[in-house]
Amino acid sequence: MRCRNCGTEIADKALICYRCGTATTEAKFKPVAPPRSGSAASLVASVLALALLVVFALYLGRAAIGGTPRTLSWVAVAVAVAVVVLRAYARRRR
C-alpha cells in the first residue's frame, strides 16, 4: 500500500505512514468541541459579587471601632448565599 500523502510504500496493516505520519484511514471518532466560555449570567454574577464585596469592605473600613452591627453580619451572609446560588444557576444552565 502507498501513503496517500507522500507516496511511500508502507505495510498493508499500517495505521500511519512511518515517513510523514499521515493516518492511513479516516478517524472513527471526531474530537469533542471545546465548551463555550463563560455565559453572560456568570459574568453578571461575578461583577455583582465583586461590587458588593468592595462596598462591604468600604463600609467596614468606615464602621465604628466598637464592632459591626449584627444585622450587617446577616446581610453579608445573605449576599454570600445569593452569589453562590447565582453561580450555581449559571453553571447549571451551561
Protein backbone atom coordinates (compact mmCIF):
# COMPACT_ATOMS: atom_id res chain seq x y z
CA MET A 1 0.00 0.00 0.00
CA ARG A 2 1.16 3.55 -0.69
CA CYS A 3 0.80 6.55 1.62
CA ARG A 4 -1.82 8.93 0.28
CA ASN A 5 0.23 11.94 1.36
CA CYS A 6 3.85 11.24 0.42
CA GLY A 7 3.55 8.10 -1.74
CA THR A 8 5.92 5.98 0.37
CA GLU A 9 5.37 2.21 0.26
CA ILE A 10 4.03 1.10 3.66
CA ALA A 11 2.66 -2.15 5.10
CA ASP A 12 -0.94 -3.03 4.36
CA LYS A 13 -1.89 -3.06 8.06
CA ALA A 14 -0.08 0.17 8.95
CA LEU A 15 -2.11 2.77 10.84
CA ILE A 16 0.18 5.67 9.95
CA CYS A 17 2.93 6.35 7.45
CA TYR A 18 6.35 5.88 9.05
CA ARG A 19 7.83 8.67 6.93
CA CYS A 20 5.31 11.54 7.15
CA GLY A 21 2.97 10.43 9.97
CA THR A 22 -0.25 10.67 7.96
CA ALA A 23 -3.05 8.31 9.03
CA THR A 24 -3.90 5.57 6.56
CA THR A 25 -7.61 5.57 7.44
CA GLU A 26 -10.16 8.19 8.38
CA ALA A 27 -10.76 8.77 12.09
CA LYS A 28 -13.74 6.89 13.54
CA PHE A 29 -14.39 9.49 16.22
CA LYS A 30 -14.17 13.24 15.94
CA PRO A 31 -12.84 15.25 18.88
CA VAL A 32 -15.39 16.86 21.16
CA ALA A 33 -15.90 20.58 20.59
CA PRO A 34 -14.50 22.69 23.42
CA PRO A 35 -17.12 24.07 25.79
CA ARG A 36 -18.22 27.67 25.38
CA SER A 37 -16.57 30.25 27.52
CA GLY A 38 -18.49 31.87 30.41
CA SER A 39 -22.04 32.98 29.85
CA ALA A 40 -23.49 36.43 30.47
CA ALA A 41 -25.19 35.28 33.69
CA SER A 42 -21.86 34.10 35.07
CA LEU A 43 -20.24 37.42 34.21
CA VAL A 44 -23.07 39.38 35.83
CA ALA A 45 -22.86 37.27 38.99
CA SER A 46 -19.10 37.77 39.21
CA VAL A 47 -19.31 41.55 38.70
CA LEU A 48 -22.15 41.81 41.21
CA ALA A 49 -20.20 39.81 43.79
CA LEU A 50 -17.10 41.94 43.29
CA ALA A 51 -19.08 45.19 43.59
CA LEU A 52 -20.83 44.03 46.75
CA LEU A 53 -17.55 42.94 48.31
CA VAL A 54 -15.98 46.33 47.58
CA VAL A 55 -18.97 48.19 49.08
CA PHE A 56 -18.93 45.90 52.10
CA ALA A 57 -15.19 46.43 52.61
CA LEU A 58 -15.58 50.21 52.36
CA TYR A 59 -18.42 50.14 54.90
CA LEU A 60 -16.42 48.04 57.34
CA GLY A 61 -13.47 50.39 56.95
CA ARG A 62 -15.64 53.31 57.98
CA ALA A 63 -17.60 51.45 60.69
CA ALA A 64 -17.07 52.35 64.29
CA ILE A 65 -14.19 50.65 66.08
CA GLY A 66 -16.64 49.12 68.57
CA GLY A 67 -17.70 46.43 66.06
CA THR A 68 -20.15 45.85 63.28
CA PRO A 69 -23.88 45.66 63.87
CA ARG A 70 -25.41 42.19 63.97
CA THR A 71 -27.74 42.97 61.07
CA LEU A 72 -24.76 43.80 58.89
CA SER A 73 -23.34 40.34 59.53
CA TRP A 74 -26.62 38.75 58.46
CA VAL A 75 -26.73 40.91 55.34
CA ALA A 76 -23.20 39.79 54.44
CA VAL A 77 -24.20 36.15 54.85
CA ALA A 78 -27.32 36.67 52.73
CA VAL A 79 -25.25 38.30 49.97
CA ALA A 80 -22.76 35.42 50.02
CA VAL A 81 -25.58 32.87 49.76
CA ALA A 82 -27.14 34.82 46.86
CA VAL A 83 -23.84 34.87 45.00
CA VAL A 84 -23.37 31.12 45.46
CA VAL A 85 -26.91 30.46 44.23
CA LEU A 86 -26.42 32.69 41.17
CA ARG A 87 -23.14 30.97 40.30
CA ALA A 88 -24.72 27.51 40.67
CA TYR A 89 -27.64 28.57 38.49
CA ALA A 90 -25.26 29.91 35.81
CA ARG A 91 -23.27 26.65 35.81
CA ARG A 92 -26.43 24.54 35.62
CA ARG A 93 -27.60 26.41 32.51
CA ARG A 94 -24.44 25.53 30.53
